[in-house]
PDB file of N, CA and C in Angstrom:
ATOM      1  N   MET A   1       1.007  -1.321   0.284  1.00  0.00           N
ATOM      2  CA  MET A   1       0.486  -0.276   0.401  1.00  0.00           C
ATOM      3  C   MET A   1       1.300   1.204   0.169  1.00  0.00           C
ATOM      4  N   ALA A   2      -0.039   2.134  -0.774  1.00  0.00           N
ATOM      5  CA  ALA A   2       0.653   3.772  -0.491  1.00  0.00           C
ATOM      6  C   ALA A   2       0.968   4.023   0.524  1.00  0.00           C
ATOM      7  N   ILE A   3       0.780   3.607   1.716  1.00  0.00           N
ATOM      8  CA  ILE A   3       0.110   5.274   2.902  1.00  0.00           C
ATOM      9  C   ILE A   3       1.101   4.259   3.834  1.00  0.00           C
ATOM     10  N   ILE A   4       1.930   5.316   4.671  1.00  0.00           N
ATOM     11  CA  ILE A   4       2.570   4.395   5.545  1.00  0.00           C
ATOM     12  C   ILE A   4       2.506   5.213   6.312  1.00  0.00           C
ATOM     13  N   VAL A   5       1.936   4.548   7.431  1.00  0.00           N
ATOM     14  CA  VAL A   5       2.121   4.795   8.800  1.00  0.00           C
ATOM     15  C   VAL A   5       2.551   4.717  10.017  1.00  0.00           C
ATOM     16  N   ASN A   6       2.747   6.438  10.566  1.00  0.00           N
ATOM     17  CA  ASN A   6       4.214   6.525  11.271  1.00  0.00           C
ATOM     18  C   ASN A   6       3.952   6.451  12.489  1.00  0.00           C
ATOM     19  N   LEU A   7       3.498   5.795  13.101  1.00  0.00           N
ATOM     20  CA  LEU A   7       2.770   5.704  14.606  1.00  0.00           C
ATOM     21  C   LEU A   7       4.505   5.491  15.594  1.00  0.00           C
ATOM     22  N   ASP A   8       5.216   4.918  14.992  1.00  0.00           N
ATOM     23  CA  ASP A   8       6.046   4.138  15.835  1.00  0.00           C
ATOM     24  C   ASP A   8       7.315   5.042  15.605  1.00  0.00           C
ATOM     25  N   VAL A   9       7.322   6.167  14.994  1.00  0.00           N
ATOM     26  CA  VAL A   9       8.060   7.359  15.051  1.00  0.00           C
ATOM     27  C   VAL A   9       7.380   8.666  16.050  1.00  0.00           C
ATOM     28  N   MET A  10       6.125   8.632  16.119  1.00  0.00           N
ATOM     29  CA  MET A  10       5.786   9.305  16.832  1.00  0.00           C
ATOM     30  C   MET A  10       6.008   9.359  18.094  1.00  0.00           C
ATOM     31  N   LEU A  11       5.731   7.987  18.551  1.00  0.00           N
ATOM     32  CA  LEU A  11       5.673   7.670  19.912  1.00  0.00           C
ATOM     33  C   LEU A  11       6.639   7.637  20.451  1.00  0.00           C
ATOM     34  N   ALA A  12       7.943   7.258  19.401  1.00  0.00           N
ATOM     35  CA  ALA A  12       9.240   7.568  20.706  1.00  0.00           C
ATOM     36  C   ALA A  12       9.797   9.001  20.147  1.00  0.00           C
ATOM     37  N   LYS A  13       9.217   9.944  19.508  1.00  0.00           N
ATOM     38  CA  LYS A  13       9.194  11.138  19.305  1.00  0.00           C
ATOM     39  C   LYS A  13       8.901  11.148  20.853  1.00  0.00           C
ATOM     40  N   ARG A  14       8.069  10.824  20.828  1.00  0.00           N
ATOM     41  CA  ARG A  14       6.201  11.259  22.459  1.00  0.00           C
ATOM     42  C   ARG A  14       7.184  10.723  23.868  1.00  0.00           C
ATOM     43  N   LYS A  15       8.192   9.376  23.910  1.00  0.00           N
ATOM     44  CA  LYS A  15       8.813   8.855  24.582  1.00  0.00           C
ATOM     45  C   LYS A  15       7.271   8.258  25.722  1.00  0.00           C
ATOM     46  N   MET A  16       6.238   7.737  24.344  1.00  0.00           N
ATOM     47  CA  MET A  16       5.306   7.357  25.067  1.00  0.00           C
ATOM     48  C   MET A  16       4.934   5.396  24.819  1.00  0.00           C
ATOM     49  N   SER A  17       4.430   4.937  25.730  1.00  0.00           N
ATOM     50  CA  SER A  17       4.124   3.430  25.504  1.00  0.00           C
ATOM     51  C   SER A  17       3.035   2.865  24.092  1.00  0.00           C
ATOM     52  N   SER A  18       3.163   2.082  23.395  1.00  0.00           N
ATOM     53  CA  SER A  18       1.759   2.095  22.666  1.00  0.00           C
ATOM     54  C   SER A  18       0.473   1.605  23.806  1.00  0.00           C
ATOM     55  N   MET A  19       0.290   1.081  25.024  1.00  0.00           N
ATOM     56  CA  MET A  19      -0.054   0.768  25.671  1.00  0.00           C
ATOM     57  C   MET A  19      -1.011   1.908  26.395  1.00  0.00           C
ATOM     58  N   GLU A  20       0.214   3.334  26.419  1.00  0.00           N
ATOM     59  CA  GLU A  20      -0.170   4.664  27.266  1.00  0.00           C
ATOM     60  C   GLU A  20      -1.287   4.946  25.699  1.00  0.00           C
ATOM     61  N   LEU A  21      -1.069   4.940  25.004  1.00  0.00           N
ATOM     62  CA  LEU A  21      -1.690   5.890  23.641  1.00  0.00           C
ATOM     63  C   LEU A  21      -2.823   5.233  23.172  1.00  0.00           C
ATOM     64  N   ALA A  22      -3.341   3.886  23.540  1.00  0.00           N
ATOM     65  CA  ALA A  22      -4.535   3.353  23.471  1.00  0.00           C
ATOM     66  C   ALA A  22      -5.436   3.715  24.561  1.00  0.00           C
ATOM     67  N   GLU A  23      -4.573   3.853  25.488  1.00  0.00           N
ATOM     68  CA  GLU A  23      -5.510   4.512  26.882  1.00  0.00           C
ATOM     69  C   GLU A  23      -5.938   5.722  26.443  1.00  0.00           C
ATOM     70  N   LYS A  24      -5.129   6.481  26.047  1.00  0.00           N
ATOM     71  CA  LYS A  24      -5.814   7.854  25.704  1.00  0.00           C
ATOM     72  C   LYS A  24      -6.580   8.179  25.099  1.00  0.00           C
ATOM     73  N   VAL A  25      -6.134   6.978  23.612  1.00  0.00           N
ATOM     74  CA  VAL A  25      -7.797   7.484  22.208  1.00  0.00           C
ATOM     75  C   VAL A  25      -8.617   6.452  22.556  1.00  0.00           C
ATOM     76  N   GLY A  26      -8.673   5.421  23.649  1.00  0.00           N
ATOM     77  CA  GLY A  26      -9.831   4.995  23.698  1.00  0.00           C
ATOM     78  C   GLY A  26      -9.845   3.769  22.650  1.00  0.00           C
ATOM     79  N   ILE A  27      -8.600   3.386  22.038  1.00  0.00           N
ATOM     80  CA  ILE A  27      -8.850   2.149  21.482  1.00  0.00           C
ATOM     81  C   ILE A  27      -8.207   0.412  21.976  1.00  0.00           C
ATOM     82  N   THR A  28      -7.941  -0.200  21.405  1.00  0.00           N
ATOM     83  CA  THR A  28      -7.264  -1.520  22.381  1.00  0.00           C
ATOM     84  C   THR A  28      -6.277  -1.506  21.386  1.00  0.00           C
ATOM     85  N   THR A  29      -5.361  -1.953  22.234  1.00  0.00           N
ATOM     86  CA  THR A  29      -3.288  -2.085  22.035  1.00  0.00           C
ATOM     87  C   THR A  29      -3.615  -3.284  20.432  1.00  0.00           C
ATOM     88  N   THR A  30      -4.773  -3.846  20.206  1.00  0.00           N
ATOM     89  CA  THR A  30      -4.707  -4.598  19.686  1.00  0.00           C
ATOM     90  C   THR A  30      -5.083  -3.963  17.781  1.00  0.00           C
ATOM     91  N   ASN A  31      -5.823  -3.323  17.917  1.00  0.00           N
ATOM     92  CA  ASN A  31      -5.891  -2.221  17.126  1.00  0.00           C
ATOM     93  C   ASN A  31      -5.423  -1.285  16.892  1.00  0.00           C
ATOM     94  N   LEU A  32      -4.186  -0.891  17.966  1.00  0.00           N
ATOM     95  CA  LEU A  32      -3.050   0.070  17.532  1.00  0.00           C
ATOM     96  C   LEU A  32      -2.307  -0.767  16.972  1.00  0.00           C
ATOM     97  N   SER A  33      -1.789  -1.723  17.303  1.00  0.00           N
ATOM     98  CA  SER A  33      -0.724  -2.698  16.644  1.00  0.00           C
ATOM     99  C   SER A  33      -1.711  -2.582  14.754  1.00  0.00           C
ATOM    100  N   ILE A  34      -2.725  -2.976  14.835  1.00  0.00           N
ATOM    101  CA  ILE A  34      -3.085  -3.341  13.157  1.00  0.00           C
ATOM    102  C   ILE A  34      -2.725  -2.168  12.725  1.00  0.00           C
ATOM    103  N   LEU A  35      -2.757  -0.436  13.289  1.00  0.00           N
ATOM    104  CA  LEU A  35      -2.728   0.994  13.060  1.00  0.00           C
ATOM    105  C   LEU A  35      -1.165   0.994  12.477  1.00  0.00           C
ATOM    106  N   LYS A  36      -0.484   0.504  13.332  1.00  0.00           N
ATOM    107  CA  LYS A  36       1.011   0.796  13.205  1.00  0.00           C
ATOM    108  C   LYS A  36       1.785   0.009  11.947  1.00  0.00           C
ATOM    109  N   THR A  37       1.372  -1.520  12.700  1.00  0.00           N
ATOM    110  CA  THR A  37       2.169  -2.252  11.533  1.00  0.00           C
ATOM    111  C   THR A  37       1.170  -1.564  10.043  1.00  0.00           C
ATOM    112  N   GLY A  38       0.891  -1.201   9.770  1.00  0.00           N
ATOM    113  CA  GLY A  38       0.054  -0.697   8.546  1.00  0.00           C
ATOM    114  C   GLY A  38      -0.896  -1.623   7.981  1.00  0.00           C
ATOM    115  N   LYS A  39      -1.508  -2.577   8.747  1.00  0.00           N
ATOM    116  CA  LYS A  39      -2.468  -3.790   8.298  1.00  0.00           C
ATOM    117  C   LYS A  39      -3.989  -3.299   7.776  1.00  0.00           C
ATOM    118  N   ALA A  40      -4.263  -2.565   8.504  1.00  0.00           N
ATOM    119  CA  ALA A  40      -5.370  -1.326   8.771  1.00  0.00           C
ATOM    120  C   ALA A  40      -6.031  -0.719   7.056  1.00  0.00           C
ATOM    121  N   LYS A  41      -6.790  -1.056   6.832  1.00  0.00           N
ATOM    122  CA  LYS A  41      -7.698  -1.322   5.023  1.00  0.00           C
ATOM    123  C   LYS A  41      -8.397   0.683   5.787  1.00  0.00           C
ATOM    124  N   ALA A  42      -8.473   0.766   6.718  1.00  0.00           N
ATOM    125  CA  ALA A  42      -9.223   2.038   7.015  1.00  0.00           C
ATOM    126  C   ALA A  42      -9.331   2.654   8.454  1.00  0.00           C
ATOM    127  N   ILE A  43      -9.075   4.210   8.510  1.00  0.00           N
ATOM    128  CA  ILE A  43      -9.146   4.974  10.083  1.00  0.00           C
ATOM    129  C   ILE A  43      -9.893   6.025   9.576  1.00  0.00           C
ATOM    130  N   ARG A  44     -10.553   5.463  11.070  1.00  0.00           N
ATOM    131  CA  ARG A  44     -12.117   6.709  11.881  1.00  0.00           C
ATOM    132  C   ARG A  44     -11.154   8.074  11.708  1.00  0.00           C
ATOM    133  N   LEU A  45     -11.995   9.250  11.175  1.00  0.00           N
ATOM    134  CA  LEU A  45     -11.455   9.740  11.509  1.00  0.00           C
ATOM    135  C   LEU A  45     -11.377  10.807  12.958  1.00  0.00           C
ATOM    136  N   THR A  46     -12.412  10.165  13.545  1.00  0.00           N
ATOM    137  CA  THR A  46     -12.874  10.478  14.910  1.00  0.00           C
ATOM    138  C   THR A  46     -11.495   9.729  15.402  1.00  0.00           C
ATOM    139  N   THR A  47     -11.123   8.783  15.076  1.00  0.00           N
ATOM    140  CA  THR A  47      -9.817   7.849  15.710  1.00  0.00           C
ATOM    141  C   THR A  47      -8.205   8.903  15.311  1.00  0.00           C
ATOM    142  N   LEU A  48      -8.098   8.822  14.151  1.00  0.00           N
ATOM    143  CA  LEU A  48      -6.748  10.099  13.815  1.00  0.00           C
ATOM    144  C   LEU A  48      -7.153  11.257  14.263  1.00  0.00           C
ATOM    145  N   ASP A  49      -8.295  11.780  14.948  1.00  0.00           N
ATOM    146  CA  ASP A  49      -8.102  12.488  15.645  1.00  0.00           C
ATOM    147  C   ASP A  49      -7.695  12.686  16.933  1.00  0.00           C
ATOM    148  N   ALA A  50      -8.423  11.552  17.905  1.00  0.00           N
ATOM    149  CA  ALA A  50      -7.822  11.216  19.280  1.00  0.00           C
ATOM    150  C   ALA A  50      -6.211  11.157  18.974  1.00  0.00           C
ATOM    151  N   LEU A  51      -5.930  10.468  17.837  1.00  0.00           N
ATOM    152  CA  LEU A  51      -4.758   9.862  17.955  1.00  0.00           C
ATOM    153  C   LEU A  51      -3.468  11.337  17.968  1.00  0.00           C
ATOM    154  N   CYS A  52      -4.203  11.884  16.950  1.00  0.00           N
ATOM    155  CA  CYS A  52      -3.276  13.919  16.860  1.00  0.00           C
ATOM    156  C   CYS A  52      -3.565  14.884  18.304  1.00  0.00           C
ATOM    157  N   LYS A  53      -4.196  14.284  19.059  1.00  0.00           N
ATOM    158  CA  LYS A  53      -4.636  14.994  20.548  1.00  0.00           C
ATOM    159  C   LYS A  53      -4.008  14.931  21.072  1.00  0.00           C
ATOM    160  N   ALA A  54      -3.812  13.121  21.437  1.00  0.00           N
ATOM    161  CA  ALA A  54      -3.413  12.488  22.280  1.00  0.00           C
ATOM    162  C   ALA A  54      -1.690  12.599  22.137  1.00  0.00           C
ATOM    163  N   LEU A  55      -1.079  12.992  20.853  1.00  0.00           N
ATOM    164  CA  LEU A  55       0.134  13.028  20.476  1.00  0.00           C
ATOM    165  C   LEU A  55       0.850  14.083  19.965  1.00  0.00           C
ATOM    166  N   ASP A  56      -0.093  15.633  20.367  1.00  0.00           N
ATOM    167  CA  ASP A  56       0.237  16.349  19.995  1.00  0.00           C
ATOM    168  C   ASP A  56       1.038  16.706  18.603  1.00  0.00           C
ATOM    169  N   CYS A  57       0.113  16.081  17.487  1.00  0.00           N
ATOM    170  CA  CYS A  57       0.546  16.615  16.359  1.00  0.00           C
ATOM    171  C   CYS A  57      -0.353  16.365  14.992  1.00  0.00           C
ATOM    172  N   GLN A  58       0.188  16.710  13.679  1.00  0.00           N
ATOM    173  CA  GLN A  58      -1.211  16.676  12.777  1.00  0.00           C
ATOM    174  C   GLN A  58      -0.427  15.061  11.869  1.00  0.00           C
ATOM    175  N   PRO A  59      -2.048  15.246  10.892  1.00  0.00           N
ATOM    176  CA  PRO A  59      -2.582  13.935  10.575  1.00  0.00           C
ATOM    177  C   PRO A  59      -1.180  13.596   9.550  1.00  0.00           C
ATOM    178  N   GLY A  60      -0.814  14.620   9.114  1.00  0.00           N
ATOM    179  CA  GLY A  60       0.890  14.780   8.670  1.00  0.00           C
ATOM    180  C   GLY A  60       1.786  13.705   8.551  1.00  0.00           C
ATOM    181  N   ASP A  61       1.747  14.298  10.147  1.00  0.00           N
ATOM    182  CA  ASP A  61       3.184  13.304  11.162  1.00  0.00           C
ATOM    183  C   ASP A  61       2.402  12.273  11.164  1.00  0.00           C
ATOM    184  N   LEU A  62       1.433  11.200  11.239  1.00  0.00           N
ATOM    185  CA  LEU A  62       1.604   9.649  11.077  1.00  0.00           C
ATOM    186  C   LEU A  62       1.469   9.112  10.095  1.00  0.00           C
ATOM    187  N   LEU A  63       0.849  10.035   8.937  1.00  0.00           N
ATOM    188  CA  LEU A  63       0.556   9.154   7.810  1.00  0.00           C
ATOM    189  C   LEU A  63       1.225  10.204   6.647  1.00  0.00           C
ATOM    190  N   GLU A  64       1.987   8.930   5.814  1.00  0.00           N
ATOM    191  CA  GLU A  64       2.676   9.542   4.877  1.00  0.00           C
ATOM    192  C   GLU A  64       2.530   8.813   2.825  1.00  0.00           C
ATOM    193  N   TYR A  65       2.253   8.973   2.206  1.00  0.00           N
ATOM    194  CA  TYR A  65       2.010   9.061   1.031  1.00  0.00           C
ATOM    195  C   TYR A  65       3.400   8.621   0.037  1.00  0.00           C
ATOM    196  N   GLN A  66       4.046   7.366  -0.032  1.00  0.00           N
ATOM    197  CA  GLN A  66       4.587   6.519  -1.069  1.00  0.00           C
ATOM    198  C   GLN A  66       4.384   6.010  -1.820  1.00  0.00           C
ATOM    199  N   PRO A  67       4.713   6.331  -3.503  1.00  0.00           N
ATOM    200  CA  PRO A  67       4.499   5.925  -4.320  1.00  0.00           C
ATOM    201  C   PRO A  67       4.413   4.718  -4.811  1.00  0.00           C
ATOM    202  N   ASP A  68       4.026   3.502  -5.037  1.00  0.00           N
ATOM    203  CA  ASP A  68       4.432   2.312  -5.443  1.00  0.00           C
ATOM    204  C   ASP A  68       5.737   2.637  -6.492  1.00  0.00           C
TER     205      ASP A  68
END
């Protein structure tokens, strides 16, 4: 897929664990893992909004487009 999810990068920058982020966002660690590995087929805008709030970032910090 041409969309790259950079959650690991933002977690490292914020020195936050996946478990802590999942709790702040209100999603399971399993669903967060699916997002982090790029296996998710979709993401709700409300989830993206919550991720950006919890990580104090912009959507473009989390999602990147790389042509195949």
